[in-house]
């Protein structure tokens, strides 16, 4: 059996709200686009969880639009998306820290 490949991961961070940290999209095996997946912090605070979109019918019934159907797929997708999310957040923190240091250095030179 071929290995499942998750790539083209895009992360859209948002201002955290009730555990929601952002949204993501990704491509499975260069053949299937998955979008509008929410990234939440886990309730125990350790790690992240993904929430897949629901379709709400006219009668109020909710059905899953799509989601992994086995533990291996769930784990692979969560691992890859989590890696991408953590890398993005680290890049943002590093960029903000560098900008802050640059600002402090410029203020010192101006004095």
Protein backbone atom coordinates (compact mmCIF):
# COMPACT_ATOMS: atom_id res chain seq x y z
CA UNK A 1 0.00 0.00 0.00
CA UNK A 2 1.29 3.47 -0.87
CA UNK A 3 2.15 5.95 1.83
CA UNK A 4 -0.32 8.81 2.27
CA UNK A 5 1.23 12.20 1.53
CA UNK A 6 -0.12 15.39 3.11
CA UNK A 7 1.30 18.51 1.48
CA UNK A 8 0.51 22.07 0.39
CA UNK A 9 -0.48 22.83 3.97
CA UNK A 10 -1.71 26.38 4.41
CA UNK A 11 -2.32 27.85 7.86
CA UNK A 12 -4.44 30.92 8.55
CA UNK A 13 -3.91 31.92 12.19
CA UNK A 14 -6.53 34.02 13.93
CA UNK A 15 -6.74 35.83 17.25
CA UNK A 16 -7.39 32.92 19.65
CA UNK A 17 -11.02 32.61 20.74
CA UNK A 18 -12.44 29.81 22.91
CA UNK A 19 -9.57 27.54 21.90
CA UNK A 20 -9.86 28.26 18.16
CA UNK A 21 -6.41 29.18 16.87
CA UNK A 22 -6.84 29.20 13.11
CA UNK A 23 -7.84 27.35 10.00
CA UNK A 24 -5.94 25.17 7.59
CA UNK A 25 -6.14 23.51 4.22
CA UNK A 26 -4.04 20.74 2.72
CA UNK A 27 -3.82 18.32 -0.19
CA UNK A 28 -3.87 14.54 0.19
CA UNK A 29 -1.78 12.50 -2.29
CA UNK A 30 -1.70 15.41 -4.76
CA UNK A 31 -5.29 14.51 -5.58
CA UNK A 32 -7.73 15.72 -2.92
CA UNK A 33 -8.00 19.26 -1.50
CA UNK A 34 -9.25 19.58 2.08
CA UNK A 35 -10.15 23.04 3.35
CA UNK A 36 -11.89 24.93 6.15
CA UNK A 37 -10.45 22.69 8.86
CA UNK A 38 -10.33 24.44 12.24
CA UNK A 39 -7.27 24.22 14.49
CA UNK A 40 -8.10 24.19 18.21
CA UNK A 41 -5.94 23.83 21.29
CA UNK A 42 -6.70 20.58 23.10
CA UNK A 43 -8.96 20.92 26.12
CA UNK A 44 -6.15 19.73 28.43
CA UNK A 45 -3.81 22.34 26.90
CA UNK A 46 -1.42 19.72 25.49
CA UNK A 47 -1.23 20.03 21.72
CA UNK A 48 -3.81 20.69 19.06
CA UNK A 49 -6.89 19.07 17.56
CA UNK A 50 -8.53 19.49 14.18
CA UNK A 51 -12.24 20.00 13.65
CA UNK A 52 -13.60 19.21 10.21
CA UNK A 53 -16.49 21.16 8.63
CA UNK A 54 -20.13 20.23 9.02
CA UNK A 55 -22.99 20.82 6.62
CA UNK A 56 -26.14 22.04 8.34
CA UNK A 57 -29.27 21.01 6.48
CA UNK A 58 -32.48 23.04 6.23
CA UNK A 59 -34.07 20.89 8.95
CA UNK A 60 -31.15 21.64 11.31
CA UNK A 61 -29.53 18.22 10.96
CA UNK A 62 -25.73 18.26 10.86
CA UNK A 63 -23.70 15.97 8.63
CA UNK A 64 -19.95 15.66 8.29
CA UNK A 65 -18.64 17.17 5.07
CA UNK A 66 -15.51 15.00 5.31
CA UNK A 67 -13.14 13.63 7.96
CA UNK A 68 -10.49 10.92 8.34
CA UNK A 69 -12.02 7.49 8.84
CA UNK A 70 -9.16 5.75 10.63
CA UNK A 71 -6.66 6.49 13.40
CA UNK A 72 -3.63 6.35 11.08
CA UNK A 73 -5.01 9.04 8.77
CA UNK A 74 -6.12 11.17 11.72
CA UNK A 75 -2.68 10.95 13.33
CA UNK A 76 -0.82 11.70 10.10
CA UNK A 77 -2.94 14.74 9.26
CA UNK A 78 -2.81 16.10 12.82
CA UNK A 79 0.97 15.63 12.96
CA UNK A 80 1.61 17.38 9.64
CA UNK A 81 -0.79 20.26 10.32
CA UNK A 82 0.56 20.69 13.86
CA UNK A 83 4.12 20.85 12.54
CA UNK A 84 3.11 23.51 10.01
CA UNK A 85 1.19 25.51 12.65
CA UNK A 86 4.04 25.41 15.20
CA UNK A 87 6.59 26.37 12.52
CA UNK A 88 4.46 29.33 11.46
CA UNK A 89 3.98 30.54 15.04
CA UNK A 90 7.72 30.22 15.72
CA UNK A 91 8.51 32.24 12.58
CA UNK A 92 6.09 34.96 13.68
CA UNK A 93 7.56 35.06 17.20
CA UNK A 94 11.09 35.20 15.79
CA UNK A 95 10.15 37.99 13.37
CA UNK A 96 8.43 39.98 16.12
CA UNK A 97 11.41 39.49 18.44
CA UNK A 98 13.84 40.60 15.75
CA UNK A 99 11.70 43.65 14.97
CA UNK A 100 11.55 44.52 18.69
CA UNK A 101 15.33 44.14 19.07
CA UNK A 102 15.90 46.24 15.93
CA UNK A 103 13.59 48.94 17.31
CA UNK A 104 15.45 48.99 20.66
CA UNK A 105 18.83 49.17 18.87
CA UNK A 106 17.64 52.07 16.70
CA UNK A 107 16.42 53.90 19.82
CA UNK A 108 19.79 53.38 21.54
CA UNK A 109 21.67 54.73 18.51
CA UNK A 110 19.40 57.77 18.36
CA UNK A 111 20.20 58.63 22.01
